[in-house]
Amino acid sequence: MSVRAAFGKTRPLMARYDVSPHLVKLWKTHKHTDGQVIRQLSPYEQKVIQPWAAHLPKEILWRVTEGAWDILPALAALYGVVTWGKWYYADICHHHRD
């Protein structure tokens, strides 16, 4: 019964030979767009990458300068800790030689 009901709306369309079944509207009501301007752009008119690439160097510079105030102190602290750790490890390794 459920299979019959699922294909019930396509059965009348299969009887027509002038229109392909995949080109016929299956819904009854179609809302018209009164006064709405509709336009489709072709892929050649969109220019998706061009505006992004034109401002890319300026955007990278701005993000680096804005983020530098947050990341530079952390990188300096990391460099200091690693340098001190290497020095302390070498000191412990060579301490018994004195």
N, C-alpha and C. Protein backbone atom coordinates (compact mmCIF):
# COMPACT_ATOMS: atom_id res chain seq x y z
N MET A 1 0.82 -1.19 0.00
CA MET A 1 0.00 0.00 0.00
C MET A 1 0.86 1.26 0.00
N SER A 2 1.95 1.27 0.77
CA SER A 2 2.77 2.47 0.85
C SER A 2 3.53 2.71 -0.46
N VAL A 3 3.96 1.65 -1.12
CA VAL A 3 4.64 1.81 -2.39
C VAL A 3 3.69 2.36 -3.43
N ARG A 4 2.48 1.90 -3.39
CA ARG A 4 1.46 2.38 -4.33
C ARG A 4 1.18 3.87 -4.11
N ALA A 5 1.11 4.27 -2.84
CA ALA A 5 0.85 5.68 -2.53
C ALA A 5 2.04 6.56 -2.89
N ALA A 6 3.25 6.02 -2.77
CA ALA A 6 4.44 6.82 -3.07
C ALA A 6 4.51 7.16 -4.55
N PHE A 7 4.12 6.26 -5.40
CA PHE A 7 4.18 6.49 -6.84
C PHE A 7 2.82 6.90 -7.42
N GLY A 8 1.87 7.21 -6.56
CA GLY A 8 0.53 7.58 -7.03
C GLY A 8 0.51 8.87 -7.81
N LYS A 9 1.37 9.84 -7.44
CA LYS A 9 1.36 11.13 -8.14
C LYS A 9 2.09 11.04 -9.48
N THR A 10 2.97 10.10 -9.65
CA THR A 10 3.69 10.00 -10.92
C THR A 10 2.95 9.16 -11.94
N ARG A 11 1.97 8.38 -11.51
CA ARG A 11 1.24 7.52 -12.43
C ARG A 11 0.53 8.31 -13.53
N PRO A 12 -0.17 9.43 -13.21
CA PRO A 12 -0.80 10.20 -14.30
C PRO A 12 0.23 10.83 -15.25
N LEU A 13 1.41 11.13 -14.73
CA LEU A 13 2.43 11.74 -15.59
C LEU A 13 2.99 10.75 -16.57
N MET A 14 3.03 9.48 -16.20
CA MET A 14 3.57 8.47 -17.09
C MET A 14 2.67 8.23 -18.29
N ALA A 15 1.41 8.61 -18.20
CA ALA A 15 0.48 8.44 -19.30
C ALA A 15 0.71 9.47 -20.40
N ARG A 16 1.38 10.59 -20.05
CA ARG A 16 1.64 11.64 -21.04
C ARG A 16 2.92 11.34 -21.80
N TYR A 17 2.87 11.54 -23.08
CA TYR A 17 4.05 11.31 -23.91
C TYR A 17 4.66 12.60 -24.44
N ASP A 18 3.94 13.72 -24.29
CA ASP A 18 4.45 14.98 -24.82
C ASP A 18 5.46 15.65 -23.89
N VAL A 19 5.45 15.29 -22.60
CA VAL A 19 6.35 15.89 -21.61
C VAL A 19 7.06 14.77 -20.86
N SER A 20 8.35 14.92 -20.67
CA SER A 20 9.10 13.93 -19.91
C SER A 20 8.69 14.00 -18.44
N PRO A 21 8.62 12.87 -17.75
CA PRO A 21 8.18 12.89 -16.35
C PRO A 21 9.06 13.74 -15.44
N HIS A 22 10.35 13.86 -15.73
CA HIS A 22 11.21 14.64 -14.84
C HIS A 22 11.10 16.15 -15.08
N LEU A 23 10.36 16.56 -16.11
CA LEU A 23 10.19 17.98 -16.39
C LEU A 23 8.85 18.53 -15.91
N VAL A 24 7.99 17.71 -15.34
CA VAL A 24 6.66 18.14 -14.93
C VAL A 24 6.68 18.51 -13.46
N LYS A 25 5.99 19.58 -13.07
CA LYS A 25 5.88 19.97 -11.68
C LYS A 25 4.96 19.00 -10.96
N LEU A 26 5.43 18.52 -9.82
CA LEU A 26 4.61 17.61 -9.03
C LEU A 26 3.81 18.34 -7.96
N TRP A 27 4.13 19.60 -7.69
CA TRP A 27 3.37 20.33 -6.69
C TRP A 27 2.23 21.08 -7.35
N LYS A 28 1.17 21.30 -6.58
CA LYS A 28 -0.03 21.91 -7.15
C LYS A 28 0.03 23.43 -7.11
N THR A 29 0.54 23.98 -6.03
CA THR A 29 0.54 25.43 -5.91
C THR A 29 1.96 25.95 -6.15
N HIS A 30 2.03 26.99 -6.92
CA HIS A 30 3.31 27.62 -7.21
C HIS A 30 3.18 29.08 -6.84
N LYS A 31 4.02 29.56 -5.91
CA LYS A 31 3.94 30.95 -5.48
C LYS A 31 4.69 31.83 -6.50
N HIS A 32 3.99 32.78 -7.05
CA HIS A 32 4.60 33.70 -7.99
C HIS A 32 5.32 34.80 -7.22
N THR A 33 6.39 35.25 -7.75
CA THR A 33 7.14 36.33 -7.11
C THR A 33 6.68 37.64 -7.74
N ASP A 34 5.77 38.30 -7.10
CA ASP A 34 5.23 39.56 -7.62
C ASP A 34 6.16 40.71 -7.25
N GLY A 35 6.76 41.32 -8.25
CA GLY A 35 7.62 42.47 -8.03
C GLY A 35 9.04 42.13 -7.61
N GLN A 36 9.35 40.89 -7.43
CA GLN A 36 10.70 40.52 -7.03
C GLN A 36 11.58 40.40 -8.27
N VAL A 37 12.74 41.01 -8.20
CA VAL A 37 13.68 40.96 -9.31
C VAL A 37 14.55 39.73 -9.14
N ILE A 38 14.58 38.90 -10.16
CA ILE A 38 15.35 37.67 -10.11
C ILE A 38 16.34 37.69 -11.27
N ARG A 39 17.59 37.42 -10.96
CA ARG A 39 18.61 37.37 -12.00
C ARG A 39 19.59 36.27 -11.66
N GLN A 40 19.98 35.50 -12.63
CA GLN A 40 20.98 34.47 -12.44
C GLN A 40 22.28 34.94 -13.05
N LEU A 41 23.37 34.71 -12.33
CA LEU A 41 24.69 35.06 -12.85
C LEU A 41 25.37 33.80 -13.36
N SER A 42 25.99 33.95 -14.49
CA SER A 42 26.76 32.82 -15.00
C SER A 42 28.07 32.75 -14.22
N PRO A 43 28.75 31.62 -14.24
CA PRO A 43 30.02 31.52 -13.52
C PRO A 43 31.07 32.50 -14.03
N TYR A 44 30.92 32.98 -15.25
CA TYR A 44 31.88 33.92 -15.80
C TYR A 44 31.65 35.35 -15.31
N GLU A 45 30.46 35.63 -14.78
CA GLU A 45 30.15 36.96 -14.30
C GLU A 45 30.38 37.12 -12.80
N GLN A 46 30.57 36.05 -12.07
CA GLN A 46 30.58 36.13 -10.62
C GLN A 46 31.87 36.71 -10.05
N LYS A 47 33.01 36.35 -10.58
CA LYS A 47 34.31 36.84 -10.11
C LYS A 47 34.46 36.59 -8.61
N VAL A 48 34.50 35.33 -8.25
CA VAL A 48 34.53 34.94 -6.85
C VAL A 48 35.91 35.17 -6.24
N ILE A 49 36.98 34.85 -6.95
CA ILE A 49 38.32 34.90 -6.40
C ILE A 49 38.96 36.29 -6.54
N GLN A 50 38.62 37.03 -7.56
CA GLN A 50 39.30 38.28 -7.85
C GLN A 50 39.22 39.30 -6.70
N PRO A 51 38.07 39.61 -6.10
CA PRO A 51 38.07 40.57 -5.00
C PRO A 51 38.84 40.07 -3.78
N TRP A 52 38.80 38.78 -3.54
CA TRP A 52 39.52 38.20 -2.40
C TRP A 52 41.02 38.32 -2.60
N ALA A 53 41.49 38.01 -3.79
CA ALA A 53 42.92 38.04 -4.07
C ALA A 53 43.46 39.46 -4.15
N ALA A 54 42.63 40.42 -4.53
CA ALA A 54 43.09 41.80 -4.65
C ALA A 54 43.43 42.39 -3.29
N HIS A 55 42.71 42.01 -2.25
CA HIS A 55 42.94 42.56 -0.91
C HIS A 55 43.74 41.62 -0.01
N LEU A 56 44.24 40.52 -0.55
CA LEU A 56 44.92 39.53 0.26
C LEU A 56 46.19 40.05 0.94
N PRO A 57 47.11 40.72 0.26
CA PRO A 57 48.31 41.20 0.96
C PRO A 57 47.99 42.17 2.10
N LYS A 58 47.05 43.07 1.87
CA LYS A 58 46.65 44.03 2.90
C LYS A 58 46.02 43.29 4.09
N GLU A 59 45.19 42.29 3.81
CA GLU A 59 44.54 41.52 4.87
C GLU A 59 45.56 40.72 5.68
N ILE A 60 46.55 40.11 5.02
CA ILE A 60 47.57 39.34 5.73
C ILE A 60 48.39 40.26 6.63
N LEU A 61 48.80 41.41 6.12
CA LEU A 61 49.57 42.36 6.91
C LEU A 61 48.79 42.84 8.13
N TRP A 62 47.51 43.14 7.95
CA TRP A 62 46.69 43.60 9.06
C TRP A 62 46.54 42.52 10.12
N ARG A 63 46.31 41.27 9.70
CA ARG A 63 46.14 40.18 10.66
C ARG A 63 47.43 39.88 11.41
N VAL A 64 48.56 39.97 10.73
CA VAL A 64 49.84 39.71 11.40
C VAL A 64 50.12 40.80 12.42
N THR A 65 49.89 42.06 12.06
CA THR A 65 50.16 43.14 13.01
C THR A 65 49.19 43.13 14.18
N GLU A 66 47.95 42.75 13.94
CA GLU A 66 46.98 42.67 15.04
C GLU A 66 47.30 41.51 15.98
N GLY A 67 47.69 40.38 15.43
CA GLY A 67 47.94 39.20 16.25
C GLY A 67 49.31 39.18 16.89
N ALA A 68 50.23 40.06 16.42
CA ALA A 68 51.59 40.06 16.95
C ALA A 68 51.61 40.41 18.43
N TRP A 69 50.75 41.31 18.86
CA TRP A 69 50.74 41.72 20.27
C TRP A 69 50.31 40.58 21.18
N ASP A 70 49.59 39.64 20.67
CA ASP A 70 49.16 38.50 21.48
C ASP A 70 50.16 37.35 21.42
N ILE A 71 50.77 37.11 20.29
CA ILE A 71 51.59 35.92 20.11
C ILE A 71 53.07 36.15 20.42
N LEU A 72 53.60 37.37 20.23
CA LEU A 72 55.02 37.61 20.45
C LEU A 72 55.46 37.38 21.90
N PRO A 73 54.74 37.84 22.91
CA PRO A 73 55.17 37.54 24.29
C PRO A 73 55.19 36.03 24.57
N ALA A 74 54.25 35.31 24.03
CA ALA A 74 54.21 33.86 24.23
C ALA A 74 55.39 33.19 23.53
N LEU A 75 55.72 33.61 22.33
CA LEU A 75 56.86 33.03 21.61
C LEU A 75 58.18 33.39 22.31
N ALA A 76 58.28 34.61 22.85
CA ALA A 76 59.49 34.99 23.57
C ALA A 76 59.64 34.15 24.84
N ALA A 77 58.55 33.94 25.55
CA ALA A 77 58.60 33.10 26.75
C ALA A 77 58.96 31.66 26.39
N LEU A 78 58.41 31.14 25.32
CA LEU A 78 58.73 29.78 24.88
C LEU A 78 60.20 29.66 24.52
N TYR A 79 60.73 30.63 23.78
CA TYR A 79 62.15 30.61 23.42
C TYR A 79 63.03 30.67 24.67
N GLY A 80 62.66 31.52 25.63
CA GLY A 80 63.43 31.62 26.86
C GLY A 80 63.42 30.32 27.66
N VAL A 81 62.28 29.69 27.76
CA VAL A 81 62.18 28.43 28.53
C VAL A 81 62.98 27.32 27.85
N VAL A 82 62.90 27.23 26.53
CA VAL A 82 63.64 26.19 25.81
C VAL A 82 65.14 26.42 25.92
N THR A 83 65.58 27.67 25.77
CA THR A 83 67.00 27.98 25.90
C THR A 83 67.51 27.68 27.30
N TRP A 84 66.77 28.10 28.30
CA TRP A 84 67.15 27.81 29.68
C TRP A 84 67.16 26.31 29.94
N GLY A 85 66.18 25.57 29.42
CA GLY A 85 66.12 24.13 29.62
C GLY A 85 67.31 23.41 29.00
N LYS A 86 67.71 23.83 27.81
CA LYS A 86 68.89 23.22 27.17
C LYS A 86 70.16 23.52 27.96
N TRP A 87 70.27 24.77 28.42
CA TRP A 87 71.44 25.14 29.22
C TRP A 87 71.48 24.35 30.52
N TYR A 88 70.34 24.24 31.20
CA TYR A 88 70.29 23.54 32.48
C TYR A 88 70.58 22.05 32.30
N TYR A 89 70.08 21.45 31.22
CA TYR A 89 70.36 20.04 30.94
C TYR A 89 71.85 19.81 30.70
N ALA A 90 72.47 20.72 29.90
CA ALA A 90 73.91 20.60 29.66
C ALA A 90 74.68 20.82 30.95
N ASP A 91 74.22 21.71 31.82
CA ASP A 91 74.89 21.95 33.10
C ASP A 91 74.83 20.71 34.00
N ILE A 92 73.68 20.05 34.03
CA ILE A 92 73.53 18.85 34.85
C ILE A 92 74.41 17.74 34.29
N CYS A 93 74.46 17.60 32.97
CA CYS A 93 75.26 16.55 32.36
C CYS A 93 76.76 16.74 32.62
N HIS A 94 77.23 17.97 32.62
CA HIS A 94 78.65 18.25 32.79
C HIS A 94 79.01 18.65 34.22
N HIS A 95 78.10 18.60 35.16
CA HIS A 95 78.36 19.03 36.54
C HIS A 95 79.34 18.10 37.25
N HIS A 96 79.28 16.84 36.96
CA HIS A 96 80.14 15.88 37.66
C HIS A 96 81.61 15.94 37.18
N ARG A 97 81.89 16.67 36.12
CA ARG A 97 83.24 16.75 35.59
C ARG A 97 84.11 17.74 36.34
N ASP A 98 83.54 18.59 37.15
CA ASP A 98 84.33 19.61 37.85
C ASP A 98 85.27 19.01 38.83
